[in-house]
């Protein structure tokens, strides 16, 4: 290896170590939302990570984003409306050497301005979020190294990434989180395999909504995924994911333990079917593991759960690019969970297997209701288009709508919303409308409104409203 390449590798390693120390030294005060705000967070994440991918091909580069978002929504637990103004400033730097070595770092500082008494986490109106390292990773691309030297792709290649980034497995239903990880992706002909060893970022909100553990989790993930890319219109895949829970509860809890270890076997495929414009996604997940029942220490019950995701998107190749979409989600439910399909408190009862599906992924399940999929059938219909595409200013303005219908898998079981404990399968429906507009290359604006009408599973039939709007400026 040439001396200059050796020096560069050493430099990248030292920069990575420094970034890792900085990450470990800082508390993550900016926590992802667990209500409808997670839809906005995911939309913003996708946008920023897409620009991150562009930056990787530009040698030495740096920049940033300033984002402002306004939220107002009904909190059914406290029976009040809450209003938040959120300000985020991100700065990033990226260095790529010949496409082989890449180092990327992104920092975040933020300020949450709540209306008086609206902050759900404390009585203060404001939350100042200290500077935090959101992304920090190094990547080595052996495929690109061989291509640079020979002009040909290697028969067998690999890419390794180390550090903090957003990782997912499969379609992101089982796992889709920012993690501190090592990821190795290898390829041989039409086969691709990925291995992942990761741990959660400090103070990531827990999937268990129990009060003692809800605001943090310490979990390790180990995953293997294989894909076959040799078909023209289909890309099947399979994966196995292990998750080990090391979360410590906060406070003195003598009569309850919370650890939830789980394993996920996933089979799926994506591609297009019948028509080039008709895209599909299929995934089936089998979950196994062990978790504590309510009021139990020392002995854990078995976890036996499943989930299914089926999605179709038809993108018409005509002016204004109208699109219609359908998605069906099912997460198995547990018949004796008392208040919640996702929490230990009010969860599975002693002496019975836990059949509620719980995982670490993301799906858009509605803005105002925003449930996890455990013990639910969810049907989604959507449509969108670029209505003013012929006008240059509005060429990238998308307008769309989504309708969700929710029904319980187990009539007597709980869902993640602790108010939906009525003995009925009909949970309700939601209508959302949204607008996404890339105003210029540097400015984007989004707005989305959702209203949820509770069904017979709820005693309180009042509609819930959720509105957000946000603008991002990149520099």
Protein backbone atom coordinates (compact mmCIF):
# COMPACT_ATOMS: atom_id res chain seq x y z
CA UNK A 1 0.00 0.00 0.00
CA UNK A 2 1.50 3.41 -0.92
CA UNK A 3 2.79 5.59 1.94
CA UNK A 4 0.24 8.36 1.28
CA UNK A 5 -2.62 5.85 1.52
CA UNK A 6 -1.21 4.49 4.80
CA UNK A 7 -1.01 8.01 6.23
CA UNK A 8 -4.59 8.69 5.13
CA UNK A 9 -5.89 5.51 6.76
CA UNK A 10 -4.10 6.42 10.01
CA UNK A 11 -5.60 9.91 9.88
CA UNK A 12 -9.10 8.52 9.34
CA UNK A 13 -8.69 6.08 12.22
CA UNK A 14 -7.58 8.83 14.60
CA UNK A 15 -10.45 11.06 13.51
CA UNK A 16 -12.87 8.18 14.05
CA UNK A 17 -11.47 7.52 17.52
CA UNK A 18 -11.79 11.19 18.41
CA UNK A 19 -15.37 11.26 17.16
CA UNK A 20 -16.21 8.10 19.12
CA UNK A 21 -14.78 9.59 22.33
CA UNK A 22 -16.83 12.74 21.77
CA UNK A 23 -19.96 10.68 21.21
CA UNK A 24 -19.38 8.63 24.34
CA UNK A 25 -18.73 11.72 26.44
CA UNK A 26 -21.97 13.46 25.59
CA UNK A 27 -25.46 12.76 26.86
CA UNK A 28 -28.07 12.64 24.15
CA UNK A 29 -30.62 15.17 25.33
CA UNK A 30 -32.40 15.37 21.98
CA UNK A 31 -34.66 12.36 22.03
CA UNK A 32 -36.70 11.09 19.10
CA UNK A 33 -40.43 11.63 19.45
CA UNK A 34 -42.71 8.75 20.29
CA UNK A 35 -46.00 10.36 19.15
CA UNK A 36 -46.97 11.82 15.76
CA UNK A 37 -43.79 13.90 15.78
CA UNK A 38 -41.92 10.70 14.84
CA UNK A 39 -43.48 11.01 11.35
CA UNK A 40 -41.89 14.45 10.93
CA UNK A 41 -38.60 13.18 12.40
CA UNK A 42 -38.50 10.31 9.91
CA UNK A 43 -39.31 12.59 6.97
CA UNK A 44 -36.52 14.97 8.01
CA UNK A 45 -34.09 12.09 8.58
CA UNK A 46 -34.65 10.73 5.08
CA UNK A 47 -34.08 14.18 3.59
CA UNK A 48 -30.84 14.77 5.53
CA UNK A 49 -29.46 11.29 4.92
CA UNK A 50 -30.09 11.64 1.18
CA UNK A 51 -27.97 14.78 1.18
CA UNK A 52 -25.41 12.94 3.32
CA UNK A 53 -25.12 10.33 0.55
CA UNK A 54 -24.47 13.08 -2.02
CA UNK A 55 -21.77 14.57 0.19
CA UNK A 56 -19.87 11.28 0.27
CA UNK A 57 -18.85 11.70 -3.39
CA UNK A 58 -17.48 15.22 -3.11
CA UNK A 59 -14.04 14.85 -1.47
CA UNK A 60 -13.65 17.39 1.34
CA UNK A 61 -16.93 19.17 2.03
CA UNK A 62 -18.90 20.74 4.86
CA UNK A 63 -22.21 22.44 5.40
CA UNK A 64 -25.27 22.52 7.56
CA UNK A 65 -29.02 22.79 7.94
CA UNK A 66 -31.29 25.02 9.96
CA UNK A 67 -34.76 23.59 10.58
CA UNK A 68 -37.82 25.15 12.14
CA UNK A 69 -40.94 23.14 12.91
CA UNK A 70 -44.28 24.01 14.51
CA UNK A 71 -46.48 21.34 16.13
CA UNK A 72 -49.91 21.56 17.68
CA UNK A 73 -51.74 18.42 18.72
CA UNK A 74 -54.27 16.88 21.09
CA UNK A 75 -52.81 14.90 23.98
CA UNK A 76 -55.58 12.49 24.91
CA UNK A 77 -53.82 11.30 28.09
CA UNK A 78 -53.75 14.75 29.69
CA UNK A 79 -56.88 15.87 27.79
CA UNK A 80 -55.30 19.08 26.52
CA UNK A 81 -53.80 20.56 23.38
CA UNK A 82 -50.03 21.03 23.24
CA UNK A 83 -48.04 23.46 21.09
CA UNK A 84 -44.32 23.29 20.31
CA UNK A 85 -41.92 25.38 18.23
CA UNK A 86 -38.73 23.45 17.49
CA UNK A 87 -35.44 24.93 16.28
CA UNK A 88 -32.59 22.67 15.12
CA UNK A 89 -29.14 23.58 13.82
CA UNK A 90 -26.98 20.88 12.26
CA UNK A 91 -23.43 21.12 10.95
CA UNK A 92 -21.62 18.39 9.05
CA UNK A 93 -18.25 17.61 7.51
CA UNK A 94 -17.33 14.86 5.06
CA UNK A 95 -14.07 13.68 3.58
CA UNK A 96 -13.82 11.11 0.81
CA UNK A 97 -10.52 9.87 -0.64
CA UNK A 98 -10.95 8.39 -4.11
CA UNK A 99 -14.29 6.94 -3.06
CA UNK A 100 -12.47 4.35 -0.93
CA UNK A 101 -12.15 6.00 2.48
CA UNK A 102 -15.01 8.14 3.77
CA UNK A 103 -15.38 9.97 7.06
CA UNK A 104 -18.60 11.76 7.99
CA UNK A 105 -19.51 13.72 11.14
CA UNK A 106 -22.74 15.61 11.87
CA UNK A 107 -23.57 17.58 15.00
CA UNK A 108 -26.89 18.88 16.31
CA UNK A 109 -27.94 21.58 18.74
CA UNK A 110 -31.60 22.40 19.35
CA UNK A 111 -34.17 24.36 21.28
CA UNK A 112 -37.77 23.34 22.02
CA UNK A 113 -40.12 26.20 22.83
CA UNK A 114 -43.35 24.87 24.36
CA UNK A 115 -46.36 26.91 25.29
CA UNK A 116 -46.79 27.43 29.03
CA UNK A 117 -47.42 24.10 30.84
CA UNK A 118 -47.42 22.20 27.51
CA UNK A 119 -44.07 20.44 27.90
CA UNK A 120 -44.99 16.80 28.68
CA UNK A 121 -41.58 16.02 30.22
CA UNK A 122 -41.42 18.86 32.77
CA UNK A 123 -43.12 22.07 33.93
CA UNK A 124 -40.71 24.32 32.04
CA UNK A 125 -41.80 25.90 28.77
CA UNK A 126 -38.38 25.33 27.19
CA UNK A 127 -35.94 22.52 26.49
CA UNK A 128 -32.40 23.49 25.52
CA UNK A 129 -30.81 20.52 23.80
CA UNK A 130 -27.07 20.49 24.27
CA UNK A 131 -24.71 19.89 21.35
CA UNK A 132 -24.80 16.26 20.32
CA UNK A 133 -23.04 14.11 17.71
CA UNK A 134 -25.86 12.79 15.53
CA UNK A 135 -23.68 10.93 13.00
CA UNK A 136 -20.00 9.94 13.13
CA UNK A 137 -18.70 7.10 10.98
CA UNK A 138 -15.87 5.83 8.82
CA UNK A 139 -16.36 3.64 5.73
CA UNK A 140 -13.89 1.58 3.70
CA UNK A 141 -15.03 0.48 0.22
CA UNK A 142 -12.89 -2.39 -1.07
CA UNK A 143 -14.97 -2.59 -4.26
CA UNK A 144 -14.06 0.99 -5.15
CA UNK A 145 -10.39 0.37 -4.33
CA UNK A 146 -10.22 -2.51 -6.84
CA UNK A 147 -12.20 -0.54 -9.42
CA UNK A 148 -9.83 2.42 -9.13
CA UNK A 149 -6.80 0.20 -9.68
CA UNK A 150 -8.07 -2.18 -12.36
CA UNK A 151 -11.14 -0.55 -13.89
CA UNK A 152 -13.11 -3.72 -13.06
CA UNK A 153 -15.42 -4.73 -10.24
CA UNK A 154 -14.00 -7.45 -7.96
CA UNK A 155 -15.49 -10.93 -8.18
CA UNK A 156 -16.01 -10.78 -4.42
CA UNK A 157 -16.10 -7.46 -2.61
CA UNK A 158 -17.00 -5.84 0.67
CA UNK A 159 -17.75 -2.51 2.34
CA UNK A 160 -17.23 -1.93 6.06
CA UNK A 161 -18.72 0.93 8.07
CA UNK A 162 -17.89 1.73 11.71
CA UNK A 163 -19.58 4.36 13.85
CA UNK A 164 -22.86 6.12 14.55
CA UNK A 165 -25.36 6.16 11.68
CA UNK A 166 -28.93 5.16 10.86
CA UNK A 167 -29.14 1.41 10.30
CA UNK A 168 -31.95 -0.86 9.27
CA UNK A 169 -32.45 -4.50 8.45
CA UNK A 170 -34.88 -5.82 5.85
CA UNK A 171 -37.43 -3.14 4.99
CA UNK A 172 -37.00 -1.43 8.37
CA UNK A 173 -39.97 -3.04 10.11
CA UNK A 174 -37.88 -5.01 12.62
CA UNK A 175 -35.03 -2.50 13.01
CA UNK A 176 -34.60 1.10 11.87
CA UNK A 177 -32.67 3.19 14.40
CA UNK A 178 -29.62 5.40 14.85
CA UNK A 179 -27.03 3.04 16.33
CA UNK A 180 -23.35 2.81 17.19
CA UNK A 181 -22.38 -0.11 15.00
CA UNK A 182 -20.03 -2.10 12.85
CA UNK A 183 -21.59 -3.13 9.53
CA UNK A 184 -19.94 -5.39 6.96
CA UNK A 185 -21.56 -5.84 3.54
CA UNK A 186 -20.10 -8.44 1.20
CA UNK A 187 -21.00 -9.37 -2.37
CA UNK A 188 -20.35 -12.37 -4.57
CA UNK A 189 -21.99 -12.38 -7.99
CA UNK A 190 -25.70 -11.79 -7.49
CA UNK A 191 -25.59 -12.51 -3.77
CA UNK A 192 -25.19 -9.84 -1.10
CA UNK A 193 -24.75 -10.46 2.62
CA UNK A 194 -24.69 -7.95 5.48
CA UNK A 195 -23.59 -8.44 9.06
CA UNK A 196 -24.40 -5.96 11.83
CA UNK A 197 -23.22 -5.62 15.43
CA UNK A 198 -24.67 -2.56 17.16
CA UNK A 199 -25.78 -0.89 20.36
CA UNK A 200 -28.37 1.80 20.98
CA UNK A 201 -27.40 5.45 21.32
CA UNK A 202 -27.55 6.79 24.86
CA UNK A 203 -31.04 7.86 26.03
CA UNK A 204 -32.87 6.52 22.97
CA UNK A 205 -36.56 6.24 23.99
CA UNK A 206 -37.57 2.68 24.80
CA UNK A 207 -40.15 0.59 22.98
CA UNK A 208 -41.33 -0.30 26.51
CA UNK A 209 -43.52 2.60 27.66
CA UNK A 210 -43.30 1.62 31.35
CA UNK A 211 -42.43 4.67 33.44
CA UNK A 212 -39.18 3.24 34.86
CA UNK A 213 -37.62 2.59 31.44
CA UNK A 214 -39.60 4.59 28.86
CA UNK A 215 -37.08 7.40 28.31
CA UNK A 216 -33.99 5.23 27.75
CA UNK A 217 -32.84 1.83 26.58
CA UNK A 218 -29.54 -0.01 26.41
CA UNK A 219 -29.79 -2.79 23.85
CA UNK A 220 -27.38 -4.72 21.66
CA UNK A 221 -28.27 -5.95 18.18
CA UNK A 222 -26.63 -8.63 16.03
CA UNK A 223 -28.01 -9.23 12.57
CA UNK A 224 -27.35 -11.19 9.38
CA UNK A 225 -29.12 -10.43 6.11
CA UNK A 226 -28.85 -11.99 2.66
CA UNK A 227 -30.21 -10.65 -0.64
CA UNK A 228 -30.33 -11.98 -4.18
CA UNK A 229 -30.08 -9.34 -6.91
CA UNK A 230 -30.07 -11.59 -9.99
CA UNK A 231 -33.75 -11.22 -10.93
CA UNK A 232 -34.85 -8.43 -13.25
CA UNK A 233 -37.90 -7.33 -11.27
CA UNK A 234 -37.58 -8.85 -7.81
CA UNK A 235 -35.10 -8.69 -4.96
CA UNK A 236 -35.82 -11.35 -2.32
CA UNK A 237 -34.11 -11.24 1.06
CA UNK A 238 -33.97 -12.99 4.41
CA UNK A 239 -32.54 -11.96 7.75
CA UNK A 240 -32.10 -13.00 11.35
CA UNK A 241 -31.81 -10.38 14.10
CA UNK A 242 -30.87 -10.91 17.75
CA UNK A 243 -31.68 -8.25 20.36
CA UNK A 244 -30.41 -8.31 23.95
CA UNK A 245 -31.82 -5.90 26.53
CA UNK A 246 -29.42 -4.44 29.14
CA UNK A 247 -31.65 -1.54 30.22
CA UNK A 248 -31.58 -0.60 33.91
CA UNK A 249 -34.76 0.76 35.40
CA UNK A 250 -34.65 4.17 37.05
CA UNK A 251 -35.89 4.32 40.62
CA UNK A 252 -36.27 1.65 43.28
CA UNK A 253 -38.37 -1.13 41.73
CA UNK A 254 -38.52 -4.32 43.81
CA UNK A 255 -41.51 -6.14 42.34
CA UNK A 256 -40.92 -5.76 38.58
CA UNK A 257 -38.17 -6.45 36.05
CA UNK A 258 -38.30 -5.19 32.47
CA UNK A 259 -35.71 -6.92 30.31
CA UNK A 260 -37.07 -8.05 26.94
CA UNK A 261 -34.80 -10.15 24.70
CA UNK A 262 -36.06 -10.98 21.23
CA UNK A 263 -35.14 -12.64 17.95
CA UNK A 264 -36.59 -11.94 14.50
CA UNK A 265 -36.63 -14.13 11.41
CA UNK A 266 -37.65 -12.07 8.37
CA UNK A 267 -38.46 -13.08 4.80
CA UNK A 268 -39.32 -10.52 2.16
CA UNK A 269 -39.02 -9.17 -1.33
CA UNK A 270 -39.30 -5.90 -3.21
CA UNK A 271 -39.52 -4.95 -6.86
CA UNK A 272 -42.20 -4.40 -9.45
CA UNK A 273 -44.99 -6.70 -10.59
CA UNK A 274 -47.24 -6.82 -13.70
CA UNK A 275 -46.30 -3.26 -14.71
CA UNK A 276 -42.98 -1.40 -14.53
CA UNK A 277 -44.73 1.38 -12.58
CA UNK A 278 -46.31 -0.97 -10.01
CA UNK A 279 -43.85 -1.40 -7.15
CA UNK A 280 -44.37 -3.81 -4.27
CA UNK A 281 -42.89 -4.64 -0.88
CA UNK A 282 -43.58 -7.83 1.09
CA UNK A 283 -42.23 -8.86 4.48
CA UNK A 284 -43.13 -11.55 7.01
CA UNK A 285 -41.53 -11.62 10.47
CA UNK A 286 -41.49 -14.35 13.09
CA UNK A 287 -40.57 -13.08 16.57
CA UNK A 288 -39.33 -15.26 19.42
CA UNK A 289 -37.80 -14.34 22.77
CA UNK A 290 -38.42 -13.89 26.47
CA UNK A 291 -39.81 -11.01 28.55
CA UNK A 292 -41.14 -10.33 32.02
CA UNK A 293 -44.85 -10.44 32.73
CA UNK A 294 -46.51 -7.71 34.79
CA UNK A 295 -45.57 -7.84 38.48
CA UNK A 296 -42.92 -10.54 38.01
CA UNK A 297 -39.20 -10.79 38.76
CA UNK A 298 -36.81 -13.68 38.23
CA UNK A 299 -38.79 -15.64 35.61
CA UNK A 300 -39.55 -14.59 32.06
CA UNK A 301 -42.34 -15.76 29.76
CA UNK A 302 -41.84 -16.83 26.15
CA UNK A 303 -42.46 -14.37 23.32
CA UNK A 304 -44.28 -15.85 20.30
CA UNK A 305 -45.36 -13.19 17.80
CA UNK A 306 -45.57 -12.41 14.09
CA UNK A 307 -45.99 -9.47 11.72
CA UNK A 308 -46.80 -8.94 8.03
CA UNK A 309 -46.33 -5.94 5.74
CA UNK A 310 -47.70 -5.72 2.18
CA UNK A 311 -47.34 -2.49 0.19
CA UNK A 312 -48.10 -1.43 -3.40
CA UNK A 313 -47.21 1.87 -5.08
CA UNK A 314 -48.40 2.69 -8.59
CA UNK A 315 -46.50 5.67 -10.00
CA UNK A 316 -48.01 6.81 -13.29
CA UNK A 317 -45.53 7.88 -15.96
CA UNK A 318 -47.55 10.88 -17.09
CA UNK A 319 -47.37 14.64 -16.41
CA UNK A 320 -47.80 15.57 -12.74
CA UNK A 321 -46.74 12.01 -11.76
CA UNK A 322 -49.84 10.91 -9.85
CA UNK A 323 -49.28 8.02 -7.45
CA UNK A 324 -51.70 5.76 -5.62
CA UNK A 325 -50.63 3.47 -2.81
CA UNK A 326 -51.92 0.69 -0.58
CA UNK A 327 -50.40 -0.86 2.52
CA UNK A 328 -51.56 -3.57 4.91
CA UNK A 329 -49.81 -4.04 8.26
CA UNK A 330 -50.48 -6.72 10.82
CA UNK A 331 -48.84 -7.22 14.17
CA UNK A 332 -50.02 -10.11 16.30
CA UNK A 333 -51.70 -9.35 19.62
CA UNK A 334 -51.79 -10.89 23.05
CA UNK A 335 -55.27 -11.60 24.50
CA UNK A 336 -54.38 -10.97 28.16
CA UNK A 337 -52.30 -7.81 27.94
CA UNK A 338 -54.16 -5.48 30.28
CA UNK A 339 -53.36 -1.89 29.19
CA UNK A 340 -50.61 -1.87 26.56
CA UNK A 341 -49.29 -4.12 23.80
CA UNK A 342 -45.81 -2.63 24.15
CA UNK A 343 -45.21 -1.99 27.88
CA UNK A 344 -44.35 -4.32 30.73
CA UNK A 345 -46.53 -2.34 33.15
CA UNK A 346 -50.09 -3.26 32.16
CA UNK A 347 -48.66 -5.83 29.76
CA UNK A 348 -48.49 -9.62 29.52
CA UNK A 349 -49.94 -11.51 32.49
CA UNK A 350 -48.02 -14.18 34.45
CA UNK A 351 -48.20 -17.78 33.29
CA UNK A 352 -48.89 -17.07 29.61
CA UNK A 353 -46.84 -16.62 26.44
CA UNK A 354 -46.55 -13.06 25.17
CA UNK A 355 -48.03 -13.02 21.66
CA UNK A 356 -47.80 -9.25 21.08
CA UNK A 357 -45.40 -8.19 18.31
CA UNK A 358 -42.84 -5.61 19.38
CA UNK A 359 -39.83 -4.50 17.36
CA UNK A 360 -37.56 -1.54 16.66
CA UNK A 361 -38.57 -0.40 13.18
CA UNK A 362 -40.69 2.36 11.71
CA UNK A 363 -43.86 2.58 9.67
CA UNK A 364 -46.07 5.60 9.03
CA UNK A 365 -49.24 4.53 10.88
CA UNK A 366 -50.93 7.92 10.92
CA UNK A 367 -50.08 11.32 12.36
CA UNK A 368 -52.74 11.87 15.01
CA UNK A 369 -53.06 8.25 16.24
CA UNK A 370 -49.53 6.97 15.44
CA UNK A 371 -49.78 3.51 17.06
CA UNK A 372 -47.23 0.73 17.01
CA UNK A 373 -48.51 -2.24 15.04
CA UNK A 374 -48.85 -4.73 17.93
CA UNK A 375 -52.38 -6.23 18.09
CA UNK A 376 -53.48 -4.25 15.05
CA UNK A 377 -54.59 -4.70 11.46
CA UNK A 378 -53.88 -1.43 9.62
CA UNK A 379 -55.09 -0.67 6.10
CA UNK A 380 -53.71 2.43 4.39
CA UNK A 381 -54.81 4.06 1.13
CA UNK A 382 -52.90 7.00 -0.31
CA UNK A 383 -52.67 9.29 -3.33
CA UNK A 384 -50.32 12.11 -4.33
CA UNK A 385 -49.24 14.17 -7.32
CA UNK A 386 -47.31 17.25 -8.45
CA UNK A 387 -50.32 19.47 -9.30
CA UNK A 388 -48.36 22.53 -10.50
CA UNK A 389 -45.46 20.74 -12.16
CA UNK A 390 -45.52 22.90 -15.35
CA UNK A 391 -44.73 26.02 -13.27
CA UNK A 392 -41.02 26.18 -12.45
CA UNK A 393 -41.47 27.52 -8.92
CA UNK A 394 -43.88 24.73 -8.00
CA UNK A 395 -42.30 21.96 -10.08
CA UNK A 396 -41.26 20.02 -6.94
CA UNK A 397 -44.37 20.61 -4.86
CA UNK A 398 -46.10 17.36 -3.90
CA UNK A 399 -49.65 17.26 -2.52
CA UNK A 400 -51.10 14.07 -1.08
CA UNK A 401 -53.49 12.35 1.29
CA UNK A 402 -53.65 9.12 3.28
CA UNK A 403 -56.51 7.26 4.95
CA UNK A 404 -55.92 4.67 7.70
CA UNK A 405 -58.31 2.07 9.10
CA UNK A 406 -57.47 0.25 12.35
CA UNK A 407 -58.84 -2.99 13.82
CA UNK A 408 -57.62 -5.16 16.69
CA UNK A 409 -56.11 -8.57 16.09
CA UNK A 410 -57.29 -9.80 19.52
CA UNK A 411 -60.56 -8.23 20.65
CA UNK A 412 -59.76 -8.45 24.36
CA UNK A 413 -56.09 -7.50 24.04
CA UNK A 414 -54.51 -4.07 24.43
CA UNK A 415 -52.87 -1.84 21.83
CA UNK A 416 -50.11 0.71 22.46
CA UNK A 417 -52.71 3.41 23.14
CA UNK A 418 -53.72 2.65 26.74
CA UNK A 419 -57.17 4.21 26.23
CA UNK A 420 -58.14 1.60 23.61
CA UNK A 421 -59.04 -1.21 25.99
CA UNK A 422 -62.71 -1.60 25.05
CA UNK A 423 -63.99 -5.07 24.13
CA UNK A 424 -64.28 -4.32 20.42
CA UNK A 425 -62.14 -4.97 17.36
CA UNK A 426 -62.99 -1.59 15.75
CA UNK A 427 -60.28 0.88 16.77
CA UNK A 428 -61.08 3.76 14.41
CA UNK A 429 -59.88 5.55 11.31
CA UNK A 430 -57.69 8.54 10.39
CA UNK A 431 -57.41 10.96 7.51
CA UNK A 432 -54.14 12.81 6.78
CA UNK A 433 -53.29 15.46 4.17
CA UNK A 434 -49.82 16.75 3.38
CA UNK A 435 -47.74 19.05 1.18
CA UNK A 436 -43.99 18.69 0.52
CA UNK A 437 -42.35 21.49 -1.47
CA UNK A 438 -38.73 21.82 -2.53
CA UNK A 439 -38.90 25.60 -2.95
CA UNK A 440 -35.28 25.99 -4.10
CA UNK A 441 -32.19 23.80 -3.98
CA UNK A 442 -31.57 25.10 -0.44
CA UNK A 443 -35.07 25.56 0.98
CA UNK A 444 -37.82 23.00 1.56
CA UNK A 445 -41.19 23.26 3.28
CA UNK A 446 -43.58 20.61 4.56
CA UNK A 447 -47.00 20.64 6.20
CA UNK A 448 -49.20 17.75 7.34
CA UNK A 449 -52.51 17.54 9.15
CA UNK A 450 -54.14 14.44 10.59
CA UNK A 451 -57.40 13.74 12.40
CA UNK A 452 -58.19 10.45 14.16
CA UNK A 453 -61.75 9.33 14.90
CA UNK A 454 -61.72 6.73 17.71
CA UNK A 455 -63.91 3.65 17.31
CA UNK A 456 -65.76 1.35 19.68
CA UNK A 457 -62.52 0.26 21.42
CA UNK A 458 -62.39 3.73 23.04
CA UNK A 459 -64.71 5.21 25.64
CA UNK A 460 -63.69 8.74 24.61
CA UNK A 461 -64.91 9.25 21.02
CA UNK A 462 -63.59 12.82 20.64
CA UNK A 463 -61.49 13.36 17.51
CA UNK A 464 -57.76 13.90 17.91
CA UNK A 465 -56.01 16.47 15.75
CA UNK A 466 -52.33 16.83 14.87
CA UNK A 467 -50.77 19.55 12.71
CA UNK A 468 -47.14 20.22 11.91
CA UNK A 469 -45.33 22.45 9.48
CA UNK A 470 -41.60 22.73 9.00
CA UNK A 471 -39.01 24.50 6.89
CA UNK A 472 -35.38 23.49 6.30
CA UNK A 473 -32.60 25.68 4.93
CA UNK A 474 -29.34 24.04 3.84
CA UNK A 475 -26.05 25.86 3.58
